[in-house]
């Protein structure tokens, strides 16, 4: 039995995963969609494995991986996602993911991943391994968003979803002036000169859907 924490922004999917995992003899110790809360709760509840989606509404699963790495957490993360982009596989590995499973892979592969990661091994199924090799073979450029902090990534997602500085400030409890400072810094880091260019970059890199 493995103690598992679920992180996904879809409650129905989390509930379905919980039923599957419990029927397989695992213990789901918690679930949620907020990156910060997930890391704290997973550690408090002594989860051994975390199943983590990369798309968390206005947040990113990469934030969770970054935080687990920063804390040197013993919780081992398996990315469970629809994203088959080689760059995302490479970035997840760089940030310490112990496994990467595509959501269309099926229950058998997911359970194999959990069993492998729980005993200290890594798990990347044949399809994901091929994606990782493709990233290496293509010498794919680094994720341009990798230089952004978790907060900056969050603001990028909110900007490209059409939110104003005022609305972002209200959501994040920041002043509009502080949000404008973030936006200016983000544009400089990414080398773009406006929201339209930022949206195009975010879509191209898979940060948001087209």
N, C-alpha and C. Protein backbone atom coordinates (compact mmCIF):
# COMPACT_ATOMS: atom_id res chain seq x y z
N UNK A 1 0.84 -1.20 0.00
CA UNK A 1 0.00 0.00 0.00
C UNK A 1 0.88 1.25 0.00
N UNK A 2 0.57 2.16 -0.91
CA UNK A 2 1.31 3.42 -1.02
C UNK A 2 0.41 4.58 -0.64
N UNK A 3 0.95 5.52 0.12
CA UNK A 3 0.21 6.72 0.52
C UNK A 3 0.34 7.76 -0.60
N UNK A 4 -0.79 8.16 -1.16
CA UNK A 4 -0.79 8.98 -2.37
C UNK A 4 -1.58 10.26 -2.16
N UNK A 5 -1.06 11.36 -2.71
CA UNK A 5 -1.76 12.64 -2.72
C UNK A 5 -2.05 13.02 -4.18
N UNK A 6 -3.27 13.46 -4.48
CA UNK A 6 -3.69 13.78 -5.84
C UNK A 6 -3.76 15.29 -6.06
N UNK A 7 -3.17 15.75 -7.16
CA UNK A 7 -3.23 17.19 -7.50
C UNK A 7 -3.73 17.33 -8.93
N UNK A 8 -4.95 17.81 -9.08
CA UNK A 8 -5.56 18.01 -10.39
C UNK A 8 -6.67 19.04 -10.22
N UNK A 9 -6.92 19.85 -11.25
CA UNK A 9 -7.94 20.89 -11.10
C UNK A 9 -9.34 20.39 -11.41
N UNK A 10 -9.49 19.11 -11.75
CA UNK A 10 -10.81 18.55 -12.04
C UNK A 10 -11.23 17.60 -10.92
N UNK A 11 -12.23 18.00 -10.15
CA UNK A 11 -12.68 17.21 -9.02
C UNK A 11 -13.16 15.83 -9.45
N UNK A 12 -13.88 15.77 -10.57
CA UNK A 12 -14.41 14.49 -11.04
C UNK A 12 -13.27 13.52 -11.34
N UNK A 13 -12.21 14.02 -11.95
CA UNK A 13 -11.06 13.17 -12.25
C UNK A 13 -10.38 12.72 -10.97
N UNK A 14 -10.23 13.63 -10.00
CA UNK A 14 -9.61 13.25 -8.73
C UNK A 14 -10.41 12.16 -8.04
N UNK A 15 -11.72 12.31 -8.05
CA UNK A 15 -12.57 11.31 -7.41
C UNK A 15 -12.45 9.96 -8.12
N UNK A 16 -12.38 9.98 -9.45
CA UNK A 16 -12.22 8.75 -10.20
C UNK A 16 -10.89 8.07 -9.91
N UNK A 17 -9.83 8.89 -9.84
CA UNK A 17 -8.51 8.35 -9.51
C UNK A 17 -8.50 7.76 -8.11
N UNK A 18 -9.14 8.46 -7.18
CA UNK A 18 -9.18 7.96 -5.80
C UNK A 18 -9.85 6.58 -5.75
N UNK A 19 -10.96 6.43 -6.45
CA UNK A 19 -11.66 5.14 -6.46
C UNK A 19 -10.78 4.05 -7.06
N UNK A 20 -10.09 4.38 -8.16
CA UNK A 20 -9.20 3.41 -8.81
C UNK A 20 -8.07 2.99 -7.89
N UNK A 21 -7.44 3.98 -7.27
CA UNK A 21 -6.27 3.69 -6.44
C UNK A 21 -6.66 2.92 -5.17
N UNK A 22 -7.77 3.28 -4.59
CA UNK A 22 -8.20 2.57 -3.39
C UNK A 22 -8.58 1.14 -3.71
N UNK A 23 -9.18 0.92 -4.89
CA UNK A 23 -9.54 -0.45 -5.28
C UNK A 23 -8.29 -1.28 -5.53
N UNK A 24 -7.17 -0.61 -5.84
CA UNK A 24 -5.91 -1.31 -6.07
C UNK A 24 -5.11 -1.48 -4.78
N UNK A 25 -5.67 -1.03 -3.66
CA UNK A 25 -5.03 -1.24 -2.36
C UNK A 25 -4.18 -0.09 -1.87
N UNK A 26 -4.24 1.06 -2.56
CA UNK A 26 -3.46 2.22 -2.13
C UNK A 26 -4.29 3.11 -1.20
N UNK A 27 -3.62 3.99 -0.49
CA UNK A 27 -4.27 4.90 0.45
C UNK A 27 -4.14 6.32 -0.06
N UNK A 28 -5.25 6.91 -0.48
CA UNK A 28 -5.25 8.31 -0.93
C UNK A 28 -5.42 9.19 0.30
N UNK A 29 -4.35 9.89 0.68
CA UNK A 29 -4.34 10.65 1.93
C UNK A 29 -4.82 12.08 1.76
N UNK A 30 -5.05 12.51 0.52
CA UNK A 30 -5.54 13.86 0.29
C UNK A 30 -5.60 14.18 -1.17
N UNK A 31 -6.27 15.26 -1.49
CA UNK A 31 -6.37 15.71 -2.88
C UNK A 31 -6.66 17.19 -2.92
N UNK A 32 -6.29 17.85 -4.02
CA UNK A 32 -6.53 19.27 -4.15
C UNK A 32 -6.05 19.79 -5.48
N UNK A 33 -6.17 21.11 -5.67
CA UNK A 33 -5.75 21.73 -6.93
C UNK A 33 -4.83 22.92 -6.73
N UNK A 34 -4.64 23.34 -5.49
CA UNK A 34 -3.77 24.49 -5.21
C UNK A 34 -2.33 24.03 -4.99
N UNK A 35 -1.37 24.52 -5.77
CA UNK A 35 0.01 24.05 -5.67
C UNK A 35 0.62 24.19 -4.28
N UNK A 36 0.46 25.36 -3.65
CA UNK A 36 1.06 25.58 -2.34
C UNK A 36 0.45 24.67 -1.29
N UNK A 37 -0.86 24.61 -1.27
CA UNK A 37 -1.56 23.77 -0.31
C UNK A 37 -1.22 22.30 -0.52
N UNK A 38 -1.09 21.89 -1.76
CA UNK A 38 -0.80 20.49 -2.07
C UNK A 38 0.53 20.05 -1.48
N UNK A 39 1.54 20.87 -1.63
CA UNK A 39 2.86 20.51 -1.11
C UNK A 39 2.83 20.41 0.41
N UNK A 40 2.20 21.39 1.04
CA UNK A 40 2.13 21.39 2.51
C UNK A 40 1.35 20.18 3.01
N UNK A 41 0.19 19.94 2.44
CA UNK A 41 -0.64 18.83 2.91
C UNK A 41 0.00 17.48 2.62
N UNK A 42 0.60 17.34 1.46
CA UNK A 42 1.23 16.06 1.12
C UNK A 42 2.32 15.71 2.13
N UNK A 43 3.08 16.71 2.57
CA UNK A 43 4.12 16.46 3.56
C UNK A 43 3.52 16.19 4.94
N UNK A 44 2.52 16.99 5.31
CA UNK A 44 1.89 16.81 6.62
C UNK A 44 1.25 15.43 6.75
N UNK A 45 0.69 14.94 5.66
CA UNK A 45 -0.02 13.66 5.69
C UNK A 45 0.90 12.49 5.31
N UNK A 46 2.18 12.79 5.19
CA UNK A 46 3.21 11.78 4.94
C UNK A 46 2.93 10.95 3.68
N UNK A 47 2.52 11.66 2.64
CA UNK A 47 2.34 11.00 1.34
C UNK A 47 3.70 10.52 0.83
N UNK A 48 3.70 9.40 0.20
CA UNK A 48 4.92 8.88 -0.41
C UNK A 48 5.01 9.27 -1.88
N UNK A 49 3.86 9.31 -2.54
CA UNK A 49 3.79 9.61 -3.97
C UNK A 49 2.73 10.66 -4.21
N UNK A 50 3.01 11.58 -5.12
CA UNK A 50 2.04 12.58 -5.54
C UNK A 50 1.76 12.38 -7.02
N UNK A 51 0.47 12.31 -7.38
CA UNK A 51 0.07 12.31 -8.79
C UNK A 51 -0.30 13.74 -9.14
N UNK A 52 0.36 14.28 -10.16
CA UNK A 52 0.33 15.73 -10.40
C UNK A 52 0.04 16.05 -11.85
N UNK A 53 -1.02 16.81 -12.10
CA UNK A 53 -1.29 17.31 -13.44
C UNK A 53 -0.48 18.59 -13.66
N UNK A 54 -0.12 18.87 -14.91
CA UNK A 54 0.62 20.10 -15.20
C UNK A 54 -0.30 21.30 -15.31
N UNK A 55 -1.54 21.09 -15.74
CA UNK A 55 -2.48 22.18 -15.89
C UNK A 55 -3.37 22.29 -14.67
N UNK A 56 -3.22 23.36 -13.90
CA UNK A 56 -4.01 23.54 -12.67
C UNK A 56 -4.78 24.85 -12.73
N UNK A 57 -5.60 25.00 -13.75
CA UNK A 57 -6.35 26.24 -13.91
C UNK A 57 -5.41 27.40 -14.21
N UNK A 58 -5.38 28.37 -13.30
CA UNK A 58 -4.52 29.53 -13.49
C UNK A 58 -3.10 29.29 -12.96
N UNK A 59 -2.86 28.09 -12.44
CA UNK A 59 -1.54 27.76 -11.89
C UNK A 59 -0.92 26.65 -12.74
N UNK A 60 0.28 26.25 -12.38
CA UNK A 60 1.01 25.24 -13.15
C UNK A 60 1.56 24.16 -12.23
N UNK A 61 1.50 22.91 -12.71
CA UNK A 61 2.08 21.82 -11.95
C UNK A 61 3.58 21.96 -11.79
N UNK A 62 4.21 22.72 -12.67
CA UNK A 62 5.65 22.95 -12.53
C UNK A 62 5.95 23.68 -11.22
N UNK A 63 5.01 24.51 -10.77
CA UNK A 63 5.19 25.19 -9.49
C UNK A 63 5.32 24.17 -8.35
N UNK A 64 4.51 23.11 -8.43
CA UNK A 64 4.56 22.07 -7.40
C UNK A 64 5.91 21.37 -7.42
N UNK A 65 6.38 21.03 -8.61
CA UNK A 65 7.67 20.37 -8.71
C UNK A 65 8.79 21.26 -8.18
N UNK A 66 8.71 22.55 -8.51
CA UNK A 66 9.73 23.49 -8.01
C UNK A 66 9.72 23.56 -6.50
N UNK A 67 8.52 23.58 -5.91
CA UNK A 67 8.41 23.69 -4.46
C UNK A 67 8.87 22.41 -3.77
N UNK A 68 8.53 21.26 -4.32
CA UNK A 68 9.01 19.99 -3.75
C UNK A 68 10.53 19.94 -3.79
N UNK A 69 11.10 20.41 -4.89
CA UNK A 69 12.55 20.41 -5.03
C UNK A 69 13.19 21.38 -4.04
N UNK A 70 12.58 22.56 -3.89
CA UNK A 70 13.13 23.57 -2.98
C UNK A 70 13.13 23.07 -1.55
N UNK A 71 12.08 22.37 -1.17
CA UNK A 71 11.95 21.87 0.19
C UNK A 71 12.74 20.57 0.42
N UNK A 72 13.29 20.02 -0.67
CA UNK A 72 13.95 18.70 -0.61
C UNK A 72 12.98 17.69 0.02
N UNK A 73 11.76 17.73 -0.47
CA UNK A 73 10.70 16.90 0.08
C UNK A 73 10.89 15.42 -0.27
N UNK A 74 10.55 14.53 0.66
CA UNK A 74 10.61 13.10 0.37
C UNK A 74 9.46 12.62 -0.51
N UNK A 75 8.44 13.47 -0.71
CA UNK A 75 7.31 13.09 -1.57
C UNK A 75 7.81 13.01 -3.01
N UNK A 76 7.55 11.88 -3.66
CA UNK A 76 8.01 11.67 -5.03
C UNK A 76 6.85 11.90 -5.99
N UNK A 77 7.05 12.76 -6.97
CA UNK A 77 5.97 13.19 -7.86
C UNK A 77 5.96 12.41 -9.17
N UNK A 78 4.78 12.01 -9.57
CA UNK A 78 4.53 11.45 -10.90
C UNK A 78 3.64 12.43 -11.63
N UNK A 79 4.11 12.96 -12.74
CA UNK A 79 3.29 13.85 -13.55
C UNK A 79 2.27 12.99 -14.31
N UNK A 80 1.00 13.33 -14.17
CA UNK A 80 -0.08 12.64 -14.86
C UNK A 80 -0.82 13.69 -15.68
N UNK A 81 -0.62 13.69 -16.99
CA UNK A 81 -1.04 14.82 -17.81
C UNK A 81 -1.44 14.40 -19.21
N UNK A 82 -2.11 15.30 -19.90
CA UNK A 82 -2.42 15.09 -21.32
C UNK A 82 -1.29 15.58 -22.21
N UNK A 83 -0.35 16.33 -21.66
CA UNK A 83 0.69 16.96 -22.47
C UNK A 83 1.74 15.96 -22.94
N UNK A 84 1.83 15.83 -24.25
CA UNK A 84 2.84 14.95 -24.84
C UNK A 84 3.93 15.78 -25.52
N UNK A 85 4.17 16.98 -25.01
CA UNK A 85 5.22 17.82 -25.58
C UNK A 85 6.58 17.42 -25.01
N UNK A 86 7.53 17.10 -25.86
CA UNK A 86 8.86 16.70 -25.39
C UNK A 86 9.46 17.70 -24.41
N UNK A 87 9.24 18.99 -24.63
CA UNK A 87 9.80 20.02 -23.75
C UNK A 87 9.23 19.90 -22.34
N UNK A 88 7.97 19.53 -22.23
CA UNK A 88 7.36 19.40 -20.92
C UNK A 88 7.92 18.19 -20.17
N UNK A 89 8.17 17.12 -20.91
CA UNK A 89 8.80 15.94 -20.28
C UNK A 89 10.18 16.32 -19.76
N UNK A 90 10.96 16.99 -20.59
CA UNK A 90 12.32 17.38 -20.20
C UNK A 90 12.31 18.32 -18.99
N UNK A 91 11.37 19.26 -18.98
CA UNK A 91 11.30 20.22 -17.87
C UNK A 91 10.88 19.53 -16.58
N UNK A 92 9.94 18.59 -16.68
CA UNK A 92 9.50 17.86 -15.50
C UNK A 92 10.64 17.05 -14.90
N UNK A 93 11.42 16.41 -15.75
CA UNK A 93 12.58 15.64 -15.28
C UNK A 93 13.59 16.57 -14.63
N UNK A 94 13.82 17.72 -15.24
CA UNK A 94 14.79 18.68 -14.69
C UNK A 94 14.38 19.14 -13.31
N UNK A 95 13.07 19.24 -13.08
CA UNK A 95 12.57 19.71 -11.79
C UNK A 95 12.38 18.58 -10.78
N UNK A 96 12.77 17.37 -11.16
CA UNK A 96 12.79 16.29 -10.19
C UNK A 96 11.65 15.31 -10.22
N UNK A 97 10.79 15.34 -11.24
CA UNK A 97 9.70 14.37 -11.32
C UNK A 97 10.28 12.96 -11.38
N UNK A 98 9.68 12.06 -10.62
CA UNK A 98 10.14 10.67 -10.60
C UNK A 98 9.45 9.83 -11.67
N UNK A 99 8.39 10.37 -12.25
CA UNK A 99 7.68 9.65 -13.29
C UNK A 99 6.86 10.60 -14.13
N UNK A 100 6.45 10.12 -15.30
CA UNK A 100 5.65 10.94 -16.22
C UNK A 100 4.74 9.97 -16.96
N UNK A 101 3.43 10.14 -16.77
CA UNK A 101 2.45 9.23 -17.38
C UNK A 101 1.40 10.07 -18.12
N UNK A 102 1.10 9.69 -19.35
CA UNK A 102 0.06 10.37 -20.10
C UNK A 102 -1.31 9.85 -19.67
N UNK A 103 -2.29 10.74 -19.62
CA UNK A 103 -3.60 10.37 -19.11
C UNK A 103 -4.31 9.34 -19.97
N UNK A 104 -3.90 9.21 -21.24
CA UNK A 104 -4.54 8.21 -22.09
C UNK A 104 -3.79 6.88 -22.09
N UNK A 105 -2.87 6.71 -21.15
CA UNK A 105 -2.08 5.48 -21.11
C UNK A 105 -2.83 4.30 -20.50
N UNK A 106 -3.79 4.56 -19.64
CA UNK A 106 -4.55 3.49 -19.02
C UNK A 106 -4.12 3.20 -17.59
N UNK A 107 -4.99 2.49 -16.88
CA UNK A 107 -4.79 2.24 -15.46
C UNK A 107 -3.57 1.36 -15.19
N UNK A 108 -3.32 0.39 -16.05
CA UNK A 108 -2.22 -0.55 -15.81
C UNK A 108 -0.88 0.18 -15.74
N UNK A 109 -0.64 1.08 -16.69
CA UNK A 109 0.62 1.82 -16.70
C UNK A 109 0.73 2.75 -15.50
N UNK A 110 -0.37 3.38 -15.13
CA UNK A 110 -0.36 4.27 -13.97
C UNK A 110 -0.01 3.50 -12.70
N UNK A 111 -0.61 2.34 -12.51
CA UNK A 111 -0.33 1.55 -11.31
C UNK A 111 1.11 1.04 -11.32
N UNK A 112 1.63 0.71 -12.49
CA UNK A 112 3.04 0.31 -12.60
C UNK A 112 3.94 1.47 -12.20
N UNK A 113 3.58 2.68 -12.63
CA UNK A 113 4.38 3.86 -12.29
C UNK A 113 4.40 4.07 -10.79
N UNK A 114 3.25 3.95 -10.14
CA UNK A 114 3.18 4.14 -8.69
C UNK A 114 4.03 3.11 -7.97
N UNK A 115 3.92 1.85 -8.37
CA UNK A 115 4.70 0.79 -7.72
C UNK A 115 6.20 1.04 -7.88
N UNK A 116 6.62 1.50 -9.06
CA UNK A 116 8.05 1.74 -9.30
C UNK A 116 8.56 2.92 -8.50
N UNK A 117 7.82 4.02 -8.55
CA UNK A 117 8.25 5.25 -7.86
C UNK A 117 8.24 5.06 -6.35
N UNK A 118 7.29 4.30 -5.84
CA UNK A 118 7.18 4.09 -4.40
C UNK A 118 8.38 3.37 -3.81
N UNK A 119 9.08 2.59 -4.64
CA UNK A 119 10.26 1.86 -4.13
C UNK A 119 11.56 2.53 -4.56
N UNK A 120 11.45 3.79 -5.01
CA UNK A 120 12.66 4.56 -5.29
C UNK A 120 13.14 4.57 -6.72
N UNK A 121 12.39 3.91 -7.61
CA UNK A 121 12.79 3.92 -9.01
C UNK A 121 12.08 5.04 -9.75
N UNK A 122 12.50 5.29 -10.97
CA UNK A 122 11.80 6.24 -11.84
C UNK A 122 10.94 5.46 -12.83
N UNK A 123 9.93 6.11 -13.37
CA UNK A 123 9.07 5.43 -14.34
C UNK A 123 8.71 6.38 -15.47
N UNK A 124 9.09 5.97 -16.67
CA UNK A 124 8.70 6.69 -17.89
C UNK A 124 8.34 5.61 -18.91
N UNK A 125 7.06 5.52 -19.23
CA UNK A 125 6.60 4.51 -20.17
C UNK A 125 7.22 4.69 -21.53
N UNK A 126 7.04 3.71 -22.42
CA UNK A 126 7.68 3.76 -23.76
C UNK A 126 7.39 5.04 -24.52
N UNK A 127 6.14 5.49 -24.49
CA UNK A 127 5.78 6.70 -25.24
C UNK A 127 6.48 7.93 -24.66
N UNK A 128 6.52 8.01 -23.33
CA UNK A 128 7.16 9.16 -22.68
C UNK A 128 8.67 9.11 -22.87
N UNK A 129 9.24 7.93 -22.79
CA UNK A 129 10.68 7.79 -23.02
C UNK A 129 11.04 8.28 -24.42
N UNK A 130 10.19 7.97 -25.38
CA UNK A 130 10.43 8.41 -26.76
C UNK A 130 10.37 9.93 -26.86
N UNK A 131 9.45 10.54 -26.09
CA UNK A 131 9.34 12.00 -26.09
C UNK A 131 10.61 12.63 -25.50
N UNK A 132 11.12 12.02 -24.42
CA UNK A 132 12.34 12.53 -23.80
C UNK A 132 13.51 12.44 -24.76
N UNK A 133 13.61 11.33 -25.47
CA UNK A 133 14.69 11.17 -26.45
C UNK A 133 14.54 12.16 -27.59
N UNK A 134 13.29 12.45 -27.97
CA UNK A 134 13.05 13.43 -29.03
C UNK A 134 13.54 14.81 -28.61
N UNK A 135 13.29 15.14 -27.33
CA UNK A 135 13.74 16.44 -26.82
C UNK A 135 15.25 16.55 -26.91
N UNK A 136 15.94 15.45 -26.60
CA UNK A 136 17.40 15.45 -26.67
C UNK A 136 17.88 15.49 -28.11
N UNK A 137 17.24 14.69 -28.96
CA UNK A 137 17.66 14.61 -30.36
C UNK A 137 17.45 15.93 -31.09
N UNK A 138 16.34 16.59 -30.75
CA UNK A 138 16.03 17.88 -31.39
C UNK A 138 16.85 19.01 -30.81
N UNK A 139 17.54 18.71 -29.70
CA UNK A 139 18.27 19.76 -28.98
C UNK A 139 17.33 20.93 -28.73
N UNK A 140 16.13 20.57 -28.24
CA UNK A 140 15.08 21.57 -28.05
C UNK A 140 15.55 22.70 -27.14
N UNK A 141 15.22 23.93 -27.51
CA UNK A 141 15.61 25.06 -26.67
C UNK A 141 14.95 24.97 -25.31
N UNK A 142 15.58 25.55 -24.31
CA UNK A 142 15.03 25.52 -22.96
C UNK A 142 13.69 26.24 -22.92
N UNK A 143 12.87 25.82 -22.02
CA UNK A 143 11.58 26.46 -21.82
C UNK A 143 11.80 27.94 -21.51
N UNK A 144 11.30 28.84 -22.38
CA UNK A 144 11.52 30.27 -22.13
C UNK A 144 10.89 30.75 -20.83
N UNK A 145 9.92 29.99 -20.32
CA UNK A 145 9.27 30.38 -19.08
C UNK A 145 10.00 29.86 -17.85
N UNK A 146 11.05 29.06 -18.06
CA UNK A 146 11.77 28.47 -16.93
C UNK A 146 12.43 29.54 -16.05
N UNK A 147 12.73 30.71 -16.65
CA UNK A 147 13.38 31.77 -15.88
C UNK A 147 12.40 32.52 -14.98
N UNK A 148 11.11 32.26 -15.15
CA UNK A 148 10.12 32.96 -14.36
C UNK A 148 9.90 32.29 -13.01
N UNK A 149 9.62 33.09 -12.02
CA UNK A 149 9.27 32.56 -10.71
C UNK A 149 7.86 31.98 -10.77
N UNK A 150 7.47 31.16 -9.79
CA UNK A 150 6.10 30.66 -9.77
C UNK A 150 5.06 31.77 -9.83
N UNK A 151 5.28 32.86 -9.12
CA UNK A 151 4.35 33.99 -9.14
C UNK A 151 4.28 34.61 -10.53
N UNK A 152 5.44 34.75 -11.20
CA UNK A 152 5.45 35.32 -12.54
C UNK A 152 4.74 34.42 -13.54
N UNK A 153 4.93 33.11 -13.41
CA UNK A 153 4.21 32.16 -14.27
C UNK A 153 2.70 32.32 -14.07
N UNK A 154 2.31 32.46 -12.81
CA UNK A 154 0.89 32.61 -12.49
C UNK A 154 0.32 33.85 -13.16
N UNK A 155 1.06 34.94 -13.09
CA UNK A 155 0.59 36.20 -13.66
C UNK A 155 0.55 36.11 -15.19
N UNK A 156 1.53 35.43 -15.80
CA UNK A 156 1.50 35.24 -17.25
C UNK A 156 0.20 34.57 -17.66
N UNK A 157 -0.15 33.48 -16.96
CA UNK A 157 -1.36 32.74 -17.29
C UNK A 157 -2.59 33.62 -17.17
N UNK A 158 -2.62 34.44 -16.13
CA UNK A 158 -3.77 35.32 -15.92
C UNK A 158 -3.84 36.41 -16.98
N UNK A 159 -2.69 36.95 -17.38
CA UNK A 159 -2.65 37.99 -18.41
C UNK A 159 -3.14 37.44 -19.75
N UNK A 160 -2.62 36.26 -20.13
CA UNK A 160 -3.01 35.72 -21.44
C UNK A 160 -4.46 35.24 -21.45
N UNK A 161 -5.04 35.06 -20.27
CA UNK A 161 -6.46 34.73 -20.19
C UNK A 161 -7.33 35.99 -20.16
N UNK A 162 -6.70 37.15 -20.38
CA UNK A 162 -7.46 38.38 -20.55
C UNK A 162 -7.74 39.18 -19.30
N UNK A 163 -7.12 38.83 -18.17
CA UNK A 163 -7.38 39.55 -16.93
C UNK A 163 -6.59 40.86 -16.89
N UNK A 164 -7.21 41.91 -16.40
CA UNK A 164 -6.55 43.20 -16.26
C UNK A 164 -5.65 43.21 -15.03
N UNK A 165 -4.79 44.22 -14.95
CA UNK A 165 -3.93 44.34 -13.76
C UNK A 165 -4.76 44.49 -12.50
N UNK A 166 -5.86 45.21 -12.60
CA UNK A 166 -6.74 45.40 -11.45
C UNK A 166 -7.35 44.08 -11.00
N UNK A 167 -7.83 43.28 -11.96
CA UNK A 167 -8.45 42.00 -11.63
C UNK A 167 -7.43 41.02 -11.07
N UNK A 168 -6.22 41.03 -11.65
CA UNK A 168 -5.16 40.16 -11.14
C UNK A 168 -4.79 40.56 -9.72
N UNK A 169 -4.69 41.88 -9.50
CA UNK A 169 -4.36 42.37 -8.17
C UNK A 169 -5.37 41.94 -7.13
N UNK A 170 -6.66 42.03 -7.49
CA UNK A 170 -7.72 41.61 -6.57
C UNK A 170 -7.59 40.12 -6.26
N UNK A 171 -7.34 39.33 -7.28
CA UNK A 171 -7.24 37.87 -7.12
C UNK A 171 -6.04 37.48 -6.25
N UNK A 172 -4.92 38.18 -6.45
CA UNK A 172 -3.68 37.81 -5.77
C UNK A 172 -3.37 38.68 -4.55
N UNK A 173 -4.28 39.61 -4.24
CA UNK A 173 -4.09 40.51 -3.10
C UNK A 173 -2.83 41.38 -3.30
N UNK A 174 -2.70 41.91 -4.51
CA UNK A 174 -1.60 42.81 -4.85
C UNK A 174 -2.20 44.11 -5.38
N UNK A 175 -1.42 45.19 -5.29
CA UNK A 175 -1.88 46.44 -5.87
C UNK A 175 -1.71 46.37 -7.39
N UNK A 176 -2.57 47.08 -8.16
CA UNK A 176 -2.41 47.11 -9.61
C UNK A 176 -1.00 47.57 -10.03
N UNK A 177 -0.41 48.49 -9.26
CA UNK A 177 0.94 48.96 -9.58
C UNK A 177 1.95 47.83 -9.46
N UNK A 178 1.80 46.99 -8.43
CA UNK A 178 2.70 45.85 -8.26
C UNK A 178 2.53 44.87 -9.41
N UNK A 179 1.28 44.66 -9.83
CA UNK A 179 1.03 43.76 -10.96
C UNK A 179 1.67 44.31 -12.22
N UNK A 180 1.56 45.63 -12.43
CA UNK A 180 2.18 46.25 -13.61
C UNK A 180 3.70 46.06 -13.58
N UNK A 181 4.29 46.13 -12.39
CA UNK A 181 5.74 45.90 -12.26
C UNK A 181 6.08 44.47 -12.65
N UNK A 182 5.28 43.53 -12.19
CA UNK A 182 5.47 42.12 -12.57
C UNK A 182 5.38 41.96 -14.08
N UNK A 183 4.35 42.58 -14.68
CA UNK A 183 4.14 42.44 -16.12
C UNK A 183 5.34 42.96 -16.90
N UNK A 184 5.85 44.12 -16.47
CA UNK A 184 7.00 44.72 -17.14
C UNK A 184 8.23 43.81 -17.03
N UNK A 185 8.45 43.27 -15.85
CA UNK A 185 9.59 42.37 -15.63
C UNK A 185 9.46 41.10 -16.47
N UNK A 186 8.23 40.57 -16.55
CA UNK A 186 7.99 39.35 -17.34
C UNK A 186 8.27 39.61 -18.81
N UNK A 187 7.78 40.72 -19.32
CA UNK A 187 8.00 41.07 -20.74
C UNK A 187 9.49 41.17 -21.04
N UNK A 188 10.24 41.76 -20.11
CA UNK A 188 11.69 41.90 -20.30
C UNK A 188 12.36 40.54 -20.32
N UNK A 189 12.01 39.68 -19.36
CA UNK A 189 12.62 38.35 -19.29
C UNK A 189 12.34 37.53 -20.54
N UNK A 190 11.12 37.66 -21.08
CA UNK A 190 10.73 36.84 -22.22
C UNK A 190 11.05 37.48 -23.56
N UNK A 191 11.45 38.73 -23.53
CA UNK A 191 11.82 39.41 -24.76
C UNK A 191 10.64 39.72 -25.66
N UNK A 192 9.48 39.99 -25.06
CA UNK A 192 8.30 40.35 -25.84
C UNK A 192 7.89 41.76 -25.48
N UNK A 193 7.15 42.41 -26.40
CA UNK A 193 6.87 43.83 -26.21
C UNK A 193 5.41 44.14 -25.95
N UNK A 194 4.57 43.13 -25.87
CA UNK A 194 3.16 43.40 -25.64
C UNK A 194 2.39 42.14 -25.33
N UNK A 195 1.13 42.33 -24.95
CA UNK A 195 0.30 41.19 -24.56
C UNK A 195 0.07 40.24 -25.73
N UNK A 196 -0.10 40.77 -26.94
CA UNK A 196 -0.33 39.90 -28.10
C UNK A 196 0.84 38.95 -28.31
N UNK A 197 2.05 39.49 -28.23
CA UNK A 197 3.24 38.65 -28.40
C UNK A 197 3.37 37.65 -27.26
N UNK A 198 2.99 38.07 -26.07
CA UNK A 198 3.04 37.18 -24.91
C UNK A 198 2.06 36.02 -25.08
N UNK A 199 0.86 36.31 -25.56
CA UNK A 199 -0.14 35.26 -25.80
C UNK A 199 0.37 34.26 -26.83
N UNK A 200 0.94 34.76 -27.92
CA UNK A 200 1.46 33.87 -28.96
C UNK A 200 2.54 32.96 -28.41
N UNK A 201 3.42 33.52 -27.60
CA UNK A 201 4.50 32.72 -27.01
C UNK A 201 3.93 31.67 -26.06
N UNK A 202 2.97 32.06 -25.24
CA UNK A 202 2.39 31.13 -24.28
C UNK A 202 1.68 29.98 -24.98
N UNK A 203 0.96 30.27 -26.07
CA UNK A 203 0.28 29.22 -26.84
C UNK A 203 1.32 28.30 -27.50
N UNK A 204 2.33 28.90 -28.11
CA UNK A 204 3.37 28.11 -28.79
C UNK A 204 4.07 27.16 -27.86
N UNK A 205 4.32 27.61 -26.64
CA UNK A 205 5.05 26.78 -25.68
C UNK A 205 4.16 25.87 -24.86
N UNK A 206 2.85 25.92 -25.12
CA UNK A 206 1.94 25.02 -24.42
C UNK A 206 1.57 25.45 -23.02
N UNK A 207 1.88 26.71 -22.67
CA UNK A 207 1.52 27.18 -21.33
C UNK A 207 0.01 27.33 -21.19
N UNK A 208 -0.62 27.74 -22.29
CA UNK A 208 -2.08 27.84 -22.34
C UNK A 208 -2.55 27.22 -23.65
N UNK A 209 -3.85 26.91 -23.71
CA UNK A 209 -4.42 26.33 -24.92
C UNK A 209 -4.74 27.42 -25.92
N UNK A 210 -4.64 27.04 -27.21
CA UNK A 210 -4.99 27.96 -28.28
C UNK A 210 -6.50 28.19 -28.32
